Amino acid sequence: SICVYIYTFFFSANKLSEELDGWIRAAGLPKSSDVRGVIAPHAGYSYSGRAAAYAFGNIDPTNITRVFLLGPSHHYYTPKCALSTATVYKTPIGDLPIDLEVIEELKATGKFELMNLRVDEAEHSMEMHLPYLSKVFEGHPVKIIPILVGALSAENEAMYGKLLAKYVDDPHNFFSVSSDFCHWGSRFNYMYYDKKYGAIHKSIEALDKMGMDIIETGDADAFKQYLSEYDNTICGCHPISVFLHMLSNSSTKIKIKFLRYEQSSQCKSTRDSSVSYASAAAKVDA
């Protein structure tokens, strides 16, 4: 089994648990059984933990038994999606067993690769969602299905979206989509700046908000178009695209709404750098 111990050198389990509780309380969001998925950041908690609470704080765990976790691959190249070979993910505040039945079902499609444990342990995009999920689903028997989303073509994004869409129609399933937004600065090789917004950080915000607005429409093709036009360095763009295709292929009408936007720092000169964090809830649209 794979063990994921986050912050064990820096935080005790109690400290981590208290920190997550505090952020969820501060976000002050009502829990809703209509919330069926989230888009949330995956940077270190000192950077994005507070923003992530605006995603995870919406979740009513009562009827959910499975969480599909979609994260981008940062270190391992694959043109496909890959499944975990672990049986359990361990966090300092509770273990999350993996749903081996659904993993077998997905494996049987022949469309997925398998991650080895080294790749699995090295990938932080899903790892940073785990303690929050562990916290929110405390006392509820939930299993997870981790899916590492590789550098997919537009065709493959649509294919995986169609393939996974049937799971959206089961109200016991939940979807946790991992993505940070714009990585700006010379160290990220991305310095898009539209002067009409004034300060650099305002230009970054306008660029991110444009992408967020498009994601809220649910239009995967428009999102693809936006990415090809602006090259915005949204590291979870492939998991987000797959999720958009899932929602448009399911018979349950679900709408994404962004609830929080933050930047790690406010860029004022070209020597500065920042990463943006955005949190959204995907809710059944009555």
Protein backbone atom coordinates (compact mmCIF):
# COMPACT_ATOMS: atom_id res chain seq x y z
CA SER A 1 0.00 0.00 0.00
CA ILE A 2 1.07 3.56 -0.54
CA CYS A 3 1.56 5.90 2.38
CA VAL A 4 1.18 9.61 1.93
CA TYR A 5 2.30 11.48 5.01
CA ILE A 6 2.00 15.20 4.48
CA TYR A 7 3.81 17.68 6.68
CA THR A 8 4.77 15.02 9.21
CA PHE A 9 8.00 16.88 9.88
CA PHE A 10 6.31 20.23 10.31
CA PHE A 11 2.88 19.53 11.69
CA SER A 12 1.40 17.05 14.07
CA ALA A 13 -1.83 15.38 12.96
CA ASN A 14 -3.68 17.57 15.49
CA LYS A 15 -2.15 20.76 14.13
CA LEU A 16 -3.07 19.80 10.56
CA SER A 17 -6.61 18.84 11.60
CA GLU A 18 -7.09 22.12 13.49
CA GLU A 19 -5.74 24.15 10.58
CA LEU A 20 -8.16 22.55 8.10
CA ASP A 21 -11.08 22.96 10.54
CA GLY A 22 -10.17 26.62 11.00
CA TRP A 23 -10.06 27.33 7.28
CA ILE A 24 -13.37 25.54 6.64
CA ARG A 25 -15.00 27.51 9.49
CA ALA A 26 -13.56 30.79 8.21
CA ALA A 27 -14.97 30.13 4.70
CA GLY A 28 -18.38 29.84 6.40
CA LEU A 29 -20.09 27.98 3.55
CA PRO A 30 -23.30 25.98 3.91
CA LYS A 31 -22.86 22.26 3.19
CA SER A 32 -25.06 21.14 0.32
CA SER A 33 -25.91 17.66 -0.95
CA ASP A 34 -26.27 19.28 -4.40
CA VAL A 35 -22.49 19.84 -4.52
CA ARG A 36 -21.17 16.91 -6.52
CA GLY A 37 -17.67 18.06 -7.30
CA VAL A 38 -15.00 20.67 -6.66
CA ILE A 39 -12.09 22.29 -8.45
CA ALA A 40 -9.45 23.11 -5.86
CA PRO A 41 -5.76 24.11 -5.75
CA HIS A 42 -2.88 21.84 -4.75
CA ALA A 43 -0.04 24.09 -3.60
CA GLY A 44 1.40 23.84 -0.09
CA TYR A 45 -1.25 24.63 2.52
CA SER A 46 0.55 27.78 3.64
CA TYR A 47 -0.12 29.11 0.11
CA SER A 48 -3.43 27.61 -0.98
CA GLY A 49 -4.97 25.93 2.08
CA ARG A 50 -7.24 28.87 2.85
CA ALA A 51 -8.46 29.14 -0.76
CA ALA A 52 -9.07 25.36 -0.97
CA ALA A 53 -11.48 25.57 1.99
CA TYR A 54 -13.90 27.42 -0.29
CA ALA A 55 -14.14 24.23 -2.37
CA PHE A 56 -14.05 21.53 0.31
CA GLY A 57 -16.21 23.48 2.79
CA ASN A 58 -19.25 23.01 0.51
CA ILE A 59 -19.33 19.24 0.74
CA ASP A 60 -22.12 17.39 2.51
CA PRO A 61 -20.61 13.92 3.03
CA THR A 62 -23.85 12.18 4.03
CA ASN A 63 -24.69 10.30 0.81
CA ILE A 64 -21.28 10.13 -0.84
CA THR A 65 -19.46 6.79 -0.89
CA ARG A 66 -16.88 7.39 -3.64
CA VAL A 67 -14.57 10.23 -4.60
CA PHE A 68 -12.98 10.36 -8.05
CA LEU A 69 -9.77 12.35 -7.70
CA LEU A 70 -8.41 13.85 -10.95
CA GLY A 71 -4.97 15.44 -10.78
CA PRO A 72 -2.46 16.60 -13.41
CA SER A 73 0.86 14.83 -13.80
CA HIS A 74 3.80 17.11 -12.91
CA HIS A 75 6.75 14.70 -13.14
CA TYR A 76 5.70 11.73 -15.22
CA TYR A 77 4.89 12.04 -18.92
CA THR A 78 1.98 10.09 -20.31
CA PRO A 79 -0.45 10.94 -23.15
CA LYS A 80 -3.11 8.92 -21.25
CA CYS A 81 -4.73 8.77 -17.84
CA ALA A 82 -3.16 6.48 -15.25
CA LEU A 83 -4.70 4.59 -12.32
CA SER A 84 -3.21 4.01 -8.90
CA THR A 85 -1.91 0.54 -8.00
CA ALA A 86 -2.15 1.32 -4.27
CA THR A 87 -4.84 -0.07 -1.99
CA VAL A 88 -4.94 2.82 0.48
CA TYR A 89 -3.72 6.41 0.75
CA LYS A 90 -2.66 7.31 4.28
CA THR A 91 -2.75 10.84 5.62
CA PRO A 92 -1.86 12.09 9.11
CA ILE A 93 -5.58 12.56 9.83
CA GLY A 94 -7.01 9.33 8.44
CA ASP A 95 -6.68 6.69 5.76
CA LEU A 96 -8.56 6.73 2.47
CA PRO A 97 -9.07 3.26 0.97
CA ILE A 98 -9.00 2.97 -2.81
CA ASP A 99 -12.06 1.57 -4.58
CA LEU A 100 -10.45 -1.47 -6.20
CA GLU A 101 -13.71 -2.50 -7.87
CA VAL A 102 -13.98 0.74 -9.86
CA ILE A 103 -10.22 0.63 -10.61
CA GLU A 104 -10.75 -2.86 -12.14
CA GLU A 105 -13.76 -1.56 -14.10
CA LEU A 106 -11.69 1.31 -15.54
CA LYS A 107 -8.72 -0.98 -16.22
CA ALA A 108 -11.01 -3.28 -18.22
CA THR A 109 -11.70 -0.47 -20.73
CA GLY A 110 -8.09 -0.76 -21.91
CA LYS A 111 -7.80 3.05 -21.98
CA PHE A 112 -5.79 3.55 -18.79
CA GLU A 113 -2.16 3.08 -17.82
CA LEU A 114 -1.09 2.08 -14.32
CA MET A 115 1.10 4.33 -12.17
CA ASN A 116 3.88 2.67 -10.29
CA LEU A 117 4.14 3.55 -6.59
CA ARG A 118 7.13 5.85 -7.16
CA VAL A 119 5.15 8.01 -9.62
CA ASP A 120 2.15 7.89 -7.29
CA GLU A 121 4.14 9.02 -4.25
CA ALA A 122 5.94 11.79 -6.17
CA GLU A 123 2.75 13.43 -7.48
CA HIS A 124 1.52 16.23 -5.20
CA SER A 125 -1.52 17.31 -7.24
CA MET A 126 -3.73 14.61 -5.74
CA GLU A 127 -1.79 14.34 -2.48
CA MET A 128 -2.74 17.87 -1.40
CA HIS A 129 -6.46 17.08 -1.74
CA LEU A 130 -6.24 14.02 0.53
CA PRO A 131 -6.16 15.58 4.02
CA TYR A 132 -9.07 17.86 3.11
CA LEU A 133 -11.06 14.85 1.84
CA SER A 134 -10.08 12.90 4.95
CA LYS A 135 -11.31 15.79 7.11
CA VAL A 136 -14.61 16.34 5.26
CA PHE A 137 -15.47 12.63 5.09
CA GLU A 138 -14.43 11.85 8.68
CA GLY A 139 -16.76 9.17 10.04
CA HIS A 140 -18.19 8.40 6.59
CA PRO A 141 -17.18 5.20 4.75
CA VAL A 142 -15.79 6.72 1.56
CA LYS A 143 -13.44 5.18 -1.03
CA ILE A 144 -11.35 7.05 -3.56
CA ILE A 145 -10.48 6.52 -7.22
CA PRO A 146 -7.26 8.44 -8.00
CA ILE A 147 -6.79 9.20 -11.71
CA LEU A 148 -3.56 10.81 -12.86
CA VAL A 149 -4.39 12.88 -15.95
CA GLY A 150 -1.54 13.07 -18.44
CA ALA A 151 -0.81 15.44 -21.32
CA LEU A 152 -4.00 14.58 -23.18
CA SER A 153 -4.93 15.59 -26.70
CA ALA A 154 -8.31 17.28 -27.15
CA GLU A 155 -9.61 13.96 -28.57
CA ASN A 156 -8.46 12.05 -25.49
CA GLU A 157 -9.94 14.63 -23.12
CA ALA A 158 -13.30 14.09 -24.83
CA MET A 159 -12.86 10.29 -24.84
CA TYR A 160 -12.08 10.08 -21.09
CA GLY A 161 -14.90 12.55 -20.37
CA LYS A 162 -17.41 10.32 -22.20
CA LEU A 163 -16.05 7.21 -20.52
CA LEU A 164 -16.32 8.67 -17.01
CA ALA A 165 -19.65 10.50 -17.55
CA LYS A 166 -21.77 7.57 -16.35
CA TYR A 167 -20.26 7.95 -12.87
CA VAL A 168 -21.63 11.51 -12.66
CA ASP A 169 -25.17 10.15 -12.83
CA ASP A 170 -24.71 8.19 -9.59
CA PRO A 171 -25.39 10.65 -6.72
CA HIS A 172 -23.12 8.60 -4.43
CA ASN A 173 -20.11 9.69 -6.51
CA PHE A 174 -18.12 12.86 -5.96
CA PHE A 175 -15.36 14.49 -8.06
CA SER A 176 -12.31 16.32 -6.76
CA VAL A 177 -10.45 18.09 -9.58
CA SER A 178 -6.98 19.41 -8.80
CA SER A 179 -5.58 22.55 -10.44
CA ASP A 180 -3.66 25.70 -9.67
CA PHE A 181 -4.21 28.63 -12.04
CA CYS A 182 -1.74 31.07 -13.64
CA HIS A 183 1.96 30.49 -12.85
CA TRP A 184 3.44 33.88 -13.73
CA GLY A 185 7.06 35.00 -13.91
CA SER A 186 10.35 34.23 -15.59
CA ARG A 187 10.81 31.06 -13.53
CA PHE A 188 7.62 29.69 -15.11
CA ASN A 189 8.52 31.00 -18.59
CA TYR A 190 5.22 32.83 -18.68
CA MET A 191 4.93 36.62 -18.54
CA TYR A 192 1.76 37.53 -20.42
CA TYR A 193 0.84 41.11 -19.50
CA ASP A 194 -2.02 43.24 -20.82
CA LYS A 195 -1.18 46.84 -19.82
CA LYS A 196 -4.79 47.97 -19.99
CA TYR A 197 -5.37 46.40 -16.55
CA GLY A 198 -2.65 48.49 -14.90
CA ALA A 199 -0.61 46.45 -12.42
CA ILE A 200 0.71 43.05 -13.55
CA HIS A 201 -1.28 41.20 -10.86
CA LYS A 202 -4.48 42.82 -12.16
CA SER A 203 -3.69 41.57 -15.67
CA ILE A 204 -3.10 38.06 -14.27
CA GLU A 205 -6.41 38.21 -12.42
CA ALA A 206 -8.28 39.31 -15.56
CA LEU A 207 -6.68 36.46 -17.52
CA ASP A 208 -7.58 33.87 -14.86
CA LYS A 209 -11.13 35.24 -14.48
CA MET A 210 -11.63 34.93 -18.24
CA GLY A 211 -10.71 31.24 -17.98
CA MET A 212 -12.88 30.76 -14.88
CA ASP A 213 -15.87 32.36 -16.64
CA ILE A 214 -15.43 29.97 -19.57
CA ILE A 215 -15.17 26.96 -17.24
CA GLU A 216 -18.44 28.08 -15.60
CA THR A 217 -20.19 27.90 -19.01
CA GLY A 218 -19.26 24.19 -19.15
CA ASP A 219 -17.96 24.57 -22.72
CA ALA A 220 -14.87 22.36 -23.08
CA ASP A 221 -14.16 23.58 -26.62
CA ALA A 222 -14.26 27.26 -25.57
CA PHE A 223 -11.86 26.43 -22.71
CA LYS A 224 -9.50 24.72 -25.19
CA GLN A 225 -9.70 27.78 -27.45
CA TYR A 226 -8.89 30.10 -24.52
CA LEU A 227 -5.86 27.97 -23.59
CA SER A 228 -4.52 27.95 -27.14
CA GLU A 229 -5.01 31.71 -27.44
CA TYR A 230 -3.45 32.82 -24.14
CA ASP A 231 -1.33 29.81 -23.14
CA ASN A 232 -2.35 30.42 -19.53
CA THR A 233 -0.26 28.13 -17.31
CA ILE A 234 -3.21 26.40 -15.59
CA CYS A 235 -1.48 23.19 -14.53
CA GLY A 236 -4.73 21.23 -14.16
CA CYS A 237 -6.13 22.25 -17.53
CA HIS A 238 -6.37 18.58 -18.67
CA PRO A 239 -8.27 17.35 -15.57
CA ILE A 240 -10.58 20.39 -15.85
CA SER A 241 -11.21 19.63 -19.54
CA VAL A 242 -11.96 15.97 -18.80
CA PHE A 243 -14.38 17.10 -16.05
CA LEU A 244 -16.14 19.51 -18.45
CA HIS A 245 -16.58 16.66 -20.96
CA MET A 246 -17.90 14.40 -18.16
CA LEU A 247 -20.51 16.97 -17.17
CA SER A 248 -21.64 17.65 -20.75
CA ASN A 249 -22.02 13.88 -21.40
CA SER A 250 -23.97 13.06 -18.24
CA SER A 251 -27.74 13.30 -17.92
CA THR A 252 -27.48 15.08 -14.54
CA LYS A 253 -27.24 18.82 -15.11
CA ILE A 254 -24.36 20.15 -13.05
CA LYS A 255 -23.05 23.71 -13.06
CA ILE A 256 -19.61 24.89 -11.93
CA LYS A 257 -19.34 28.10 -9.91
CA PHE A 258 -16.10 29.67 -8.68
CA LEU A 259 -16.22 30.87 -5.08
CA ARG A 260 -12.70 32.06 -4.34
CA TYR A 261 -9.69 33.48 -6.14
CA GLU A 262 -6.28 34.30 -4.62
CA GLN A 263 -2.69 34.90 -5.75
CA SER A 264 0.41 33.79 -3.83
CA SER A 265 1.79 37.33 -4.22
CA GLN A 266 0.91 40.48 -6.15
CA CYS A 267 3.26 40.91 -9.11
CA LYS A 268 4.23 44.52 -9.71
CA SER A 269 7.42 44.12 -11.73
CA THR A 270 8.85 41.57 -14.17
CA ARG A 271 11.17 40.34 -11.41
CA ASP A 272 8.15 39.10 -9.42
CA SER A 273 6.37 35.77 -9.70
CA SER A 274 3.12 34.33 -8.45
CA VAL A 275 0.77 31.35 -8.64
CA SER A 276 -3.02 31.79 -8.66
CA TYR A 277 -5.47 29.63 -6.73
CA ALA A 278 -9.15 29.26 -7.60
CA SER A 279 -11.81 27.16 -5.86
CA ALA A 280 -15.11 26.09 -7.38
CA ALA A 281 -18.10 23.92 -6.52
CA ALA A 282 -19.93 21.84 -9.13
CA LYS A 283 -23.57 21.77 -8.13
CA VAL A 284 -26.69 20.03 -9.42
CA ASP A 285 -28.54 22.65 -11.44
CA ALA A 286 -32.18 22.39 -10.44
